[in-house]
Amino acid sequence: MTSVASALPARGRSRFALTKREVLRALAAGTAFGVVLTAGFTAMAAWQCGGICLPEIVDNAALSLAAGIFGLGPVAAYGRR
């Protein structure tokens, strides 16, 4: 049986402090998610409308990257703990 003290972080170090590697993993996963989602939305819009509209792609890209970085990034950063 493990003691409670082994579940607590060491003094001076928080369990939620991000390392550089975790930040890079979060940014990479969020950016990849955003790029794939933007490509999918662009293909869907081109299929439905018969062409692409650049302002729509820019809006979708901004929202997809933000959703990926802020939504999926923390999951990727803390996923291996």
Protein backbone atom coordinates (compact mmCIF):
# COMPACT_ATOMS: atom_id res chain seq x y z
CA MET A 1 0.00 0.00 0.00
CA THR A 2 1.36 3.43 -0.90
CA SER A 3 1.37 6.28 1.51
CA VAL A 4 -0.24 9.65 0.97
CA ALA A 5 3.16 11.33 0.97
CA SER A 6 4.19 9.47 -2.20
CA ALA A 7 1.20 10.92 -4.06
CA LEU A 8 2.13 14.48 -3.20
CA PRO A 9 4.61 16.40 -5.36
CA ALA A 10 8.12 17.06 -4.11
CA ARG A 11 8.66 20.33 -2.29
CA GLY A 12 9.02 23.30 -4.59
CA ARG A 13 7.71 21.46 -7.64
CA SER A 14 4.11 21.54 -8.75
CA ARG A 15 2.58 18.58 -10.55
CA PHE A 16 1.03 20.98 -13.03
CA ALA A 17 4.19 22.86 -13.97
CA LEU A 18 4.77 22.42 -17.69
CA THR A 19 8.13 21.47 -19.09
CA LYS A 20 9.35 22.74 -22.44
CA ARG A 21 8.72 19.33 -24.00
CA GLU A 22 5.09 19.30 -22.82
CA VAL A 23 4.49 22.81 -24.18
CA LEU A 24 5.92 21.79 -27.56
CA ARG A 25 3.77 18.64 -27.56
CA ALA A 26 0.67 20.71 -26.80
CA LEU A 27 1.43 23.22 -29.55
CA ALA A 28 2.23 20.50 -32.08
CA ALA A 29 -0.94 18.53 -31.34
CA GLY A 30 -3.11 21.65 -31.37
CA THR A 31 -1.61 22.91 -34.61
CA ALA A 32 -1.95 19.53 -36.31
CA PHE A 33 -5.58 19.36 -35.22
CA GLY A 34 -6.20 22.88 -36.55
CA VAL A 35 -4.56 22.17 -39.91
CA VAL A 36 -6.52 18.95 -40.43
CA LEU A 37 -9.79 20.57 -39.41
CA THR A 38 -9.16 23.56 -41.69
CA ALA A 39 -8.37 21.28 -44.61
CA GLY A 40 -11.55 19.33 -43.98
CA PHE A 41 -13.69 22.45 -43.77
CA THR A 42 -12.08 23.82 -46.95
CA ALA A 43 -12.72 20.59 -48.83
CA MET A 44 -16.31 20.48 -47.59
CA ALA A 45 -16.95 24.09 -48.62
CA ALA A 46 -15.37 23.51 -52.04
CA TRP A 47 -17.51 20.41 -52.54
CA GLN A 48 -20.75 22.14 -51.58
CA CYS A 49 -20.18 25.54 -53.22
CA GLY A 50 -18.08 24.56 -56.21
CA GLY A 51 -15.25 26.90 -55.17
CA ILE A 52 -13.35 28.20 -52.20
CA CYS A 53 -13.77 31.53 -50.47
CA LEU A 54 -10.55 32.86 -48.96
CA PRO A 55 -12.11 34.85 -46.07
CA GLU A 56 -14.04 31.74 -44.99
CA ILE A 57 -10.82 29.71 -44.98
CA VAL A 58 -9.04 32.33 -42.87
CA ASP A 59 -11.91 32.41 -40.36
CA ASN A 60 -12.03 28.61 -40.17
CA ALA A 61 -8.25 28.41 -39.79
CA ALA A 62 -8.18 30.90 -36.93
CA LEU A 63 -11.00 29.18 -35.06
CA SER A 64 -9.63 25.68 -35.72
CA LEU A 65 -6.13 26.57 -34.53
CA ALA A 66 -7.48 28.26 -31.41
CA ALA A 67 -9.71 25.27 -30.65
CA GLY A 68 -6.84 22.88 -31.24
CA ILE A 69 -4.26 24.71 -29.16
CA PHE A 70 -6.52 25.68 -26.25
CA GLY A 71 -8.82 22.65 -26.35
CA LEU A 72 -6.66 19.73 -27.39
CA GLY A 73 -3.28 21.13 -26.33
CA PRO A 74 -3.70 20.61 -22.58
CA VAL A 75 -4.93 17.06 -23.16
CA ALA A 76 -1.82 16.31 -25.22
CA ALA A 77 0.47 18.01 -22.68
CA TYR A 78 -0.82 16.10 -19.67
CA GLY A 79 -1.74 12.91 -21.51
CA ARG A 80 1.31 10.88 -20.50
CA ARG A 81 1.22 11.60 -16.78
